C-alpha atoms as a PDB file:
ATOM      1  CA  UNK A   1     193.470 105.877  56.526  1.00  0.00           C
ATOM      2  CA  UNK A   2     196.758 104.268  55.831  1.00  0.00           C
ATOM      3  CA  UNK A   3     198.231 101.526  57.938  1.00  0.00           C
ATOM      4  CA  UNK A   4     201.227  99.121  58.084  1.00  0.00           C
ATOM      5  CA  UNK A   5     200.813  95.347  58.275  1.00  0.00           C
ATOM      6  CA  UNK A   6     202.278  92.047  57.166  1.00  0.00           C
ATOM      7  CA  UNK A   7     201.091  89.768  54.251  1.00  0.00           C
ATOM      8  CA  UNK A   8     199.932  86.519  55.831  1.00  0.00           C
ATOM      9  CA  UNK A   9     198.399  84.879  52.562  1.00  0.00           C
ATOM     10  CA  UNK A  10     198.326  85.554  48.977  1.00  0.00           C
ATOM     11  CA  UNK A  11     196.130  83.913  46.426  1.00  0.00           C
ATOM     12  CA  UNK A  12     195.490  85.074  42.798  1.00  0.00           C
ATOM     13  CA  UNK A  13     196.376  88.608  43.390  1.00  0.00           C
ATOM     14  CA  UNK A  14     194.363  89.048  46.602  1.00  0.00           C
ATOM     15  CA  UNK A  15     196.489  89.342  49.811  1.00  0.00           C
ATOM     16  CA  UNK A  16     195.468  88.984  53.330  1.00  0.00           C
ATOM     17  CA  UNK A  17     197.139  91.574  55.490  1.00  0.00           C
ATOM     18  CA  UNK A  18     197.336  91.508  59.255  1.00  0.00           C
ATOM     19  CA  UNK A  19     197.436  95.067  60.780  1.00  0.00           C
ATOM     20  CA  UNK A  20     197.563  94.541  64.473  1.00  0.00           C
ATOM     21  CA  UNK A  21     194.441  92.496  65.558  1.00  0.00           C
ATOM     22  CA  UNK A  22     192.727  93.237  62.160  1.00  0.00           C
ATOM     23  CA  UNK A  23     193.053  91.459  58.776  1.00  0.00           C
ATOM     24  CA  UNK A  24     192.092  92.905  55.546  1.00  0.00           C
ATOM     25  CA  UNK A  25     191.736  91.215  52.007  1.00  0.00           C
ATOM     26  CA  UNK A  26     193.360  93.722  49.647  1.00  0.00           C
ATOM     27  CA  UNK A  27     194.555  93.870  46.033  1.00  0.00           C
ATOM     28  CA  UNK A  28     197.610  95.748  44.735  1.00  0.00           C
ATOM     29  CA  UNK A  29     197.692  99.109  43.050  1.00  0.00           C
ATOM     30  CA  UNK A  30     199.105  99.313  39.504  1.00  0.00           C
ATOM     31  CA  UNK A  31     202.694 100.133  40.175  1.00  0.00           C
ATOM     32  CA  UNK A  32     203.222  97.247  42.673  1.00  0.00           C
ATOM     33  CA  UNK A  33     201.163  94.937  40.426  1.00  0.00           C
ATOM     34  CA  UNK A  34     203.437  95.589  37.511  1.00  0.00           C
ATOM     35  CA  UNK A  35     206.826  95.805  39.134  1.00  0.00           C
ATOM     36  CA  UNK A  36     207.007  93.870  42.377  1.00  0.00           C
ATOM     37  CA  UNK A  37     206.035  90.493  43.603  1.00  0.00           C
ATOM     38  CA  UNK A  38     204.595  90.498  47.041  1.00  0.00           C
ATOM     39  CA  UNK A  39     205.359  87.551  49.290  1.00  0.00           C
ATOM     40  CA  UNK A  40     203.986  86.067  52.456  1.00  0.00           C
ATOM     41  CA  UNK A  41     205.918  87.979  55.329  1.00  0.00           C
ATOM     42  CA  UNK A  42     206.303  91.250  53.441  1.00  0.00           C
ATOM     43  CA  UNK A  43     205.691  94.327  55.496  1.00  0.00           C
ATOM     44  CA  UNK A  44     203.413  96.644  53.547  1.00  0.00           C
ATOM     45  CA  UNK A  45     201.526  99.993  53.722  1.00  0.00           C
ATOM     46  CA  UNK A  46     197.960  99.490  53.021  1.00  0.00           C
ATOM     47  CA  UNK A  47     194.816 101.653  52.479  1.00  0.00           C
ATOM     48  CA  UNK A  48     191.898  99.467  53.776  1.00  0.00           C
ATOM     49  CA  UNK A  49     189.256 102.018  52.664  1.00  0.00           C
ATOM     50  CA  UNK A  50     190.594 101.827  49.005  1.00  0.00           C
ATOM     51  CA  UNK A  51     191.115  98.042  49.430  1.00  0.00           C
ATOM     52  CA  UNK A  52     194.574  97.873  48.300  1.00  0.00           C
ATOM     53  CA  UNK A  53     198.341  97.494  49.191  1.00  0.00           C
ATOM     54  CA  UNK A  54     200.119 100.829  48.743  1.00  0.00           C
ATOM     55  CA  UNK A  55     203.710 100.169  49.233  1.00  0.00           C
ATOM     56  CA  UNK A  56     206.145  97.132  49.925  1.00  0.00           C
ATOM     57  CA  UNK A  57     208.520  98.075  52.810  1.00  0.00           C
ATOM     58  CA  UNK A  58     212.204  96.940  52.598  1.00  0.00           C
ATOM     59  CA  UNK A  59     212.817  93.200  53.166  1.00  0.00           C
ATOM     60  CA  UNK A  60     215.476  92.003  55.631  1.00  0.00           C
ATOM     61  CA  UNK A  61     215.621  88.544  53.874  1.00  0.00           C
ATOM     62  CA  UNK A  62     213.805  86.203  51.555  1.00  0.00           C
ATOM     63  CA  UNK A  63     213.517  82.441  51.307  1.00  0.00           C
ATOM     64  CA  UNK A  64     213.014  81.001  47.839  1.00  0.00           C
ATOM     65  CA  UNK A  65     211.259  77.722  48.747  1.00  0.00           C
ATOM     66  CA  UNK A  66     208.838  78.340  50.343  1.00  0.00           C
ATOM     67  CA  UNK A  67     208.675  81.884  49.082  1.00  0.00           C
ATOM     68  CA  UNK A  68     208.626  83.801  52.458  1.00  0.00           C
ATOM     69  CA  UNK A  69     210.147  87.242  53.398  1.00  0.00           C
ATOM     70  CA  UNK A  70     211.330  88.803  56.661  1.00  0.00           C
ATOM     71  CA  UNK A  71     211.812  85.398  58.544  1.00  0.00           C
ATOM     72  CA  UNK A  72     212.991  85.814  61.950  1.00  0.00           C
ATOM     73  CA  UNK A  73     214.385  82.116  62.283  1.00  0.00           C
ATOM     74  CA  UNK A  74     214.090  78.705  60.705  1.00  0.00           C
ATOM     75  CA  UNK A  75     213.494  75.648  62.575  1.00  0.00           C
ATOM     76  CA  UNK A  76     215.138  72.723  60.812  1.00  0.00           C
ATOM     77  CA  UNK A  77     213.328  69.444  61.825  1.00  0.00           C
ATOM     78  CA  UNK A  78     215.160  66.242  61.868  1.00  0.00           C
ATOM     79  CA  UNK A  79     214.417  62.733  63.234  1.00  0.00           C
ATOM     80  CA  UNK A  80     216.223  59.286  63.544  1.00  0.00           C
ATOM     81  CA  UNK A  81     213.571  57.890  61.178  1.00  0.00           C
ATOM     82  CA  UNK A  82     213.728  58.590  58.311  1.00  0.00           C
ATOM     83  CA  UNK A  83     217.548  58.837  58.561  1.00  0.00           C
ATOM     84  CA  UNK A  84     218.552  62.411  58.447  1.00  0.00           C
ATOM     85  CA  UNK A  85     219.980  63.884  55.327  1.00  0.00           C
ATOM     86  CA  UNK A  86     222.896  65.821  56.877  1.00  0.00           C
ATOM     87  CA  UNK A  87     224.075  67.101  53.451  1.00  0.00           C
ATOM     88  CA  UNK A  88     220.747  68.802  53.124  1.00  0.00           C
ATOM     89  CA  UNK A  89     220.919  69.934  56.820  1.00  0.00           C
ATOM     90  CA  UNK A  90     224.381  71.432  56.054  1.00  0.00           C
ATOM     91  CA  UNK A  91     223.076  73.245  52.934  1.00  0.00           C
ATOM     92  CA  UNK A  92     220.218  74.741  54.825  1.00  0.00           C
ATOM     93  CA  UNK A  93     222.404  75.860  57.715  1.00  0.00           C
ATOM     94  CA  UNK A  94     224.946  77.544  55.271  1.00  0.00           C
ATOM     95  CA  UNK A  95     222.137  79.330  53.468  1.00  0.00           C
ATOM     96  CA  UNK A  96     220.585  80.653  56.621  1.00  0.00           C
ATOM     97  CA  UNK A  97     223.871  81.833  57.972  1.00  0.00           C
ATOM     98  CA  UNK A  98     224.764  83.556  54.746  1.00  0.00           C
ATOM     99  CA  UNK A  99     221.436  85.452  54.937  1.00  0.00           C
ATOM    100  CA  UNK A 100     221.573  86.327  58.544  1.00  0.00           C
ATOM    101  CA  UNK A 101     218.565  84.131  59.557  1.00  0.00           C
ATOM    102  CA  UNK A 102     218.669  82.252  63.013  1.00  0.00           C
ATOM    103  CA  UNK A 103     218.521  78.565  62.684  1.00  0.00           C
ATOM    104  CA  UNK A 104     217.559  75.880  65.216  1.00  0.00           C
ATOM    105  CA  UNK A 105     217.702  72.249  64.935  1.00  0.00           C
ATOM    106  CA  UNK A 106     214.734  70.509  66.340  1.00  0.00           C
ATOM    107  CA  UNK A 107     215.172  66.751  66.684  1.00  0.00           C
ATOM    108  CA  UNK A 108     211.778  65.077  66.724  1.00  0.00           C
ATOM    109  CA  UNK A 109     210.704  61.643  67.751  1.00  0.00           C
ATOM    110  CA  UNK A 110     212.679  61.720  71.115  1.00  0.00           C
ATOM    111  CA  UNK A 111     210.766  58.642  72.124  1.00  0.00           C
ATOM    112  CA  UNK A 112     212.175  56.606  69.252  1.00  0.00           C
ATOM    113  CA  UNK A 113     215.859  57.687  69.103  1.00  0.00           C
ATOM    114  CA  UNK A 114     218.612  55.095  69.395  1.00  0.00           C
ATOM    115  CA  UNK A 115     220.972  55.771  72.286  1.00  0.00           C
ATOM    116  CA  UNK A 116     223.298  58.629  71.655  1.00  0.00           C
ATOM    117  CA  UNK A 117     221.515  59.934  68.408  1.00  0.00           C
ATOM    118  CA  UNK A 118     220.529  63.324  69.764  1.00  0.00           C
ATOM    119  CA  UNK A 119     223.870  63.853  71.644  1.00  0.00           C
ATOM    120  CA  UNK A 120     225.815  63.140  68.271  1.00  0.00           C
ATOM    121  CA  UNK A 121     223.733  65.697  66.513  1.00  0.00           C
ATOM    122  CA  UNK A 122     224.121  68.249  69.112  1.00  0.00           C
ATOM    123  CA  UNK A 123     227.890  67.730  69.150  1.00  0.00           C
ATOM    124  CA  UNK A 124     227.961  67.965  65.249  1.00  0.00           C
ATOM    125  CA  UNK A 125     225.721  70.977  64.910  1.00  0.00           C
ATOM    126  CA  UNK A 126     225.885  72.742  68.435  1.00  0.00           C
ATOM    127  CA  UNK A 127     227.957  75.513  67.019  1.00  0.00           C
ATOM    128  CA  UNK A 128     226.569  75.735  63.428  1.00  0.00           C
ATOM    129  CA  UNK A 129     222.971  76.376  64.547  1.00  0.00           C
ATOM    130  CA  UNK A 130     221.717  78.856  67.141  1.00  0.00           C
ATOM    131  CA  UNK A 131     220.471  75.974  69.084  1.00  0.00           C
ATOM    132  CA  UNK A 132     219.732  72.241  69.099  1.00  0.00           C
ATOM    133  CA  UNK A 133     216.442  70.939  70.787  1.00  0.00           C
ATOM    134  CA  UNK A 134     215.091  67.462  71.256  1.00  0.00           C
ATOM    135  CA  UNK A 135     211.287  66.803  71.431  1.00  0.00           C
ATOM    136  CA  UNK A 136     208.525  64.390  70.575  1.00  0.00           C
ATOM    137  CA  UNK A 137     205.577  65.811  68.816  1.00  0.00           C
ATOM    138  CA  UNK A 138     203.658  62.594  69.575  1.00  0.00           C
ATOM    139  CA  UNK A 139     204.163  62.464  73.396  1.00  0.00           C
ATOM    140  CA  UNK A 140     204.478  66.175  73.822  1.00  0.00           C
ATOM    141  CA  UNK A 141     207.864  65.877  75.491  1.00  0.00           C
ATOM    142  CA  UNK A 142     209.869  69.084  74.883  1.00  0.00           C
ATOM    143  CA  UNK A 143     207.111  70.676  72.804  1.00  0.00           C
ATOM    144  CA  UNK A 144     206.759  73.678  75.366  1.00  0.00           C
ATOM    145  CA  UNK A 145     210.403  74.580  74.869  1.00  0.00           C
ATOM    146  CA  UNK A 146     209.735  74.607  71.187  1.00  0.00           C
ATOM    147  CA  UNK A 147     206.608  76.792  71.560  1.00  0.00           C
ATOM    148  CA  UNK A 148     208.699  79.295  73.810  1.00  0.00           C
ATOM    149  CA  UNK A 149     211.293  79.541  71.109  1.00  0.00           C
ATOM    150  CA  UNK A 150     208.612  80.277  68.381  1.00  0.00           C
ATOM    151  CA  UNK A 151     206.611  82.761  70.365  1.00  0.00           C
ATOM    152  CA  UNK A 152     206.472  86.189  68.687  1.00  0.00           C
ATOM    153  CA  UNK A 153     208.668  85.168  65.869  1.00  0.00           C
ATOM    154  CA  UNK A 154     207.957  84.472  62.140  1.00  0.00           C
ATOM    155  CA  UNK A 155     209.461  80.973  61.933  1.00  0.00           C
ATOM    156  CA  UNK A 156     209.717  78.733  58.906  1.00  0.00           C
ATOM    157  CA  UNK A 157     209.696  74.902  59.473  1.00  0.00           C
ATOM    158  CA  UNK A 158     212.048  72.917  57.158  1.00  0.00           C
ATOM    159  CA  UNK A 159     213.125  69.510  56.769  1.00  0.00           C
ATOM    160  CA  UNK A 160     212.714  66.135  55.086  1.00  0.00           C
ATOM    161  CA  UNK A 161     209.423  64.564  54.589  1.00  0.00           C
ATOM    162  CA  UNK A 162     208.029  62.360  57.521  1.00  0.00           C
ATOM    163  CA  UNK A 163     210.215  63.961  60.254  1.00  0.00           C
ATOM    164  CA  UNK A 164     207.161  65.563  61.991  1.00  0.00           C
ATOM    165  CA  UNK A 165     206.677  69.099  60.831  1.00  0.00           C
ATOM    166  CA  UNK A 166     202.953  68.836  60.518  1.00  0.00           C
ATOM    167  CA  UNK A 167     202.695  66.769  63.624  1.00  0.00           C
ATOM    168  CA  UNK A 168     204.580  69.519  65.454  1.00  0.00           C
ATOM    169  CA  UNK A 169     202.444  72.203  64.118  1.00  0.00           C
ATOM    170  CA  UNK A 170     199.378  70.157  65.225  1.00  0.00           C
ATOM    171  CA  UNK A 171     200.753  69.817  68.665  1.00  0.00           C
ATOM    172  CA  UNK A 172     201.597  73.594  68.913  1.00  0.00           C
ATOM    173  CA  UNK A 173     198.388  75.077  67.445  1.00  0.00           C
ATOM    174  CA  UNK A 174     195.692  72.462  67.898  1.00  0.00           C
ATOM    175  CA  UNK A 175     195.213  72.371  64.038  1.00  0.00           C
ATOM    176  CA  UNK A 176     194.580  69.012  62.352  1.00  0.00           C
ATOM    177  CA  UNK A 177     196.916  69.189  59.362  1.00  0.00           C
ATOM    178  CA  UNK A 178     197.229  65.961  57.487  1.00  0.00           C
ATOM    179  CA  UNK A 179     200.297  63.759  58.645  1.00  0.00           C
ATOM    180  CA  UNK A 180     201.743  60.524  57.374  1.00  0.00           C
ATOM    181  CA  UNK A 181     201.929  57.365  59.333  1.00  0.00           C
END
């Protein structure tokens, strides 16, 4: 019984593949093991009875860091503190545009922004990104709008350290990922 699924985790040559509501822990068969590198996000054909991945389906895109394939969109998270590295933001947006990946700027720490901070970023990046949103992962302001944007999409969060990526994940999912002060 062959099925199609998506790689959701890979550790030491064992891959977790989500097929609908079921997940399977599978290895790769010889040809794939020798020639192709599976990445999280890859769509694959699997044979759960044999316990292996049979085929990698064509990729629509690939991020290098983190290694992730078939991304629907990237949420670039910024904040007023630490001061945003706009050069990094520019490079990310150019890469995403070149690779046909939707990009959204998510400006965290809305409760701490100096006056005009969000408006300036929206003015600067409003046409470069597919959307610019403001939220506070700490207070919950605007988080539902982020959740609606992410629903049903494979989304990668990107941004500098300490801008609130893990805090946002915790707010969206109820996880307890470690966060800084």
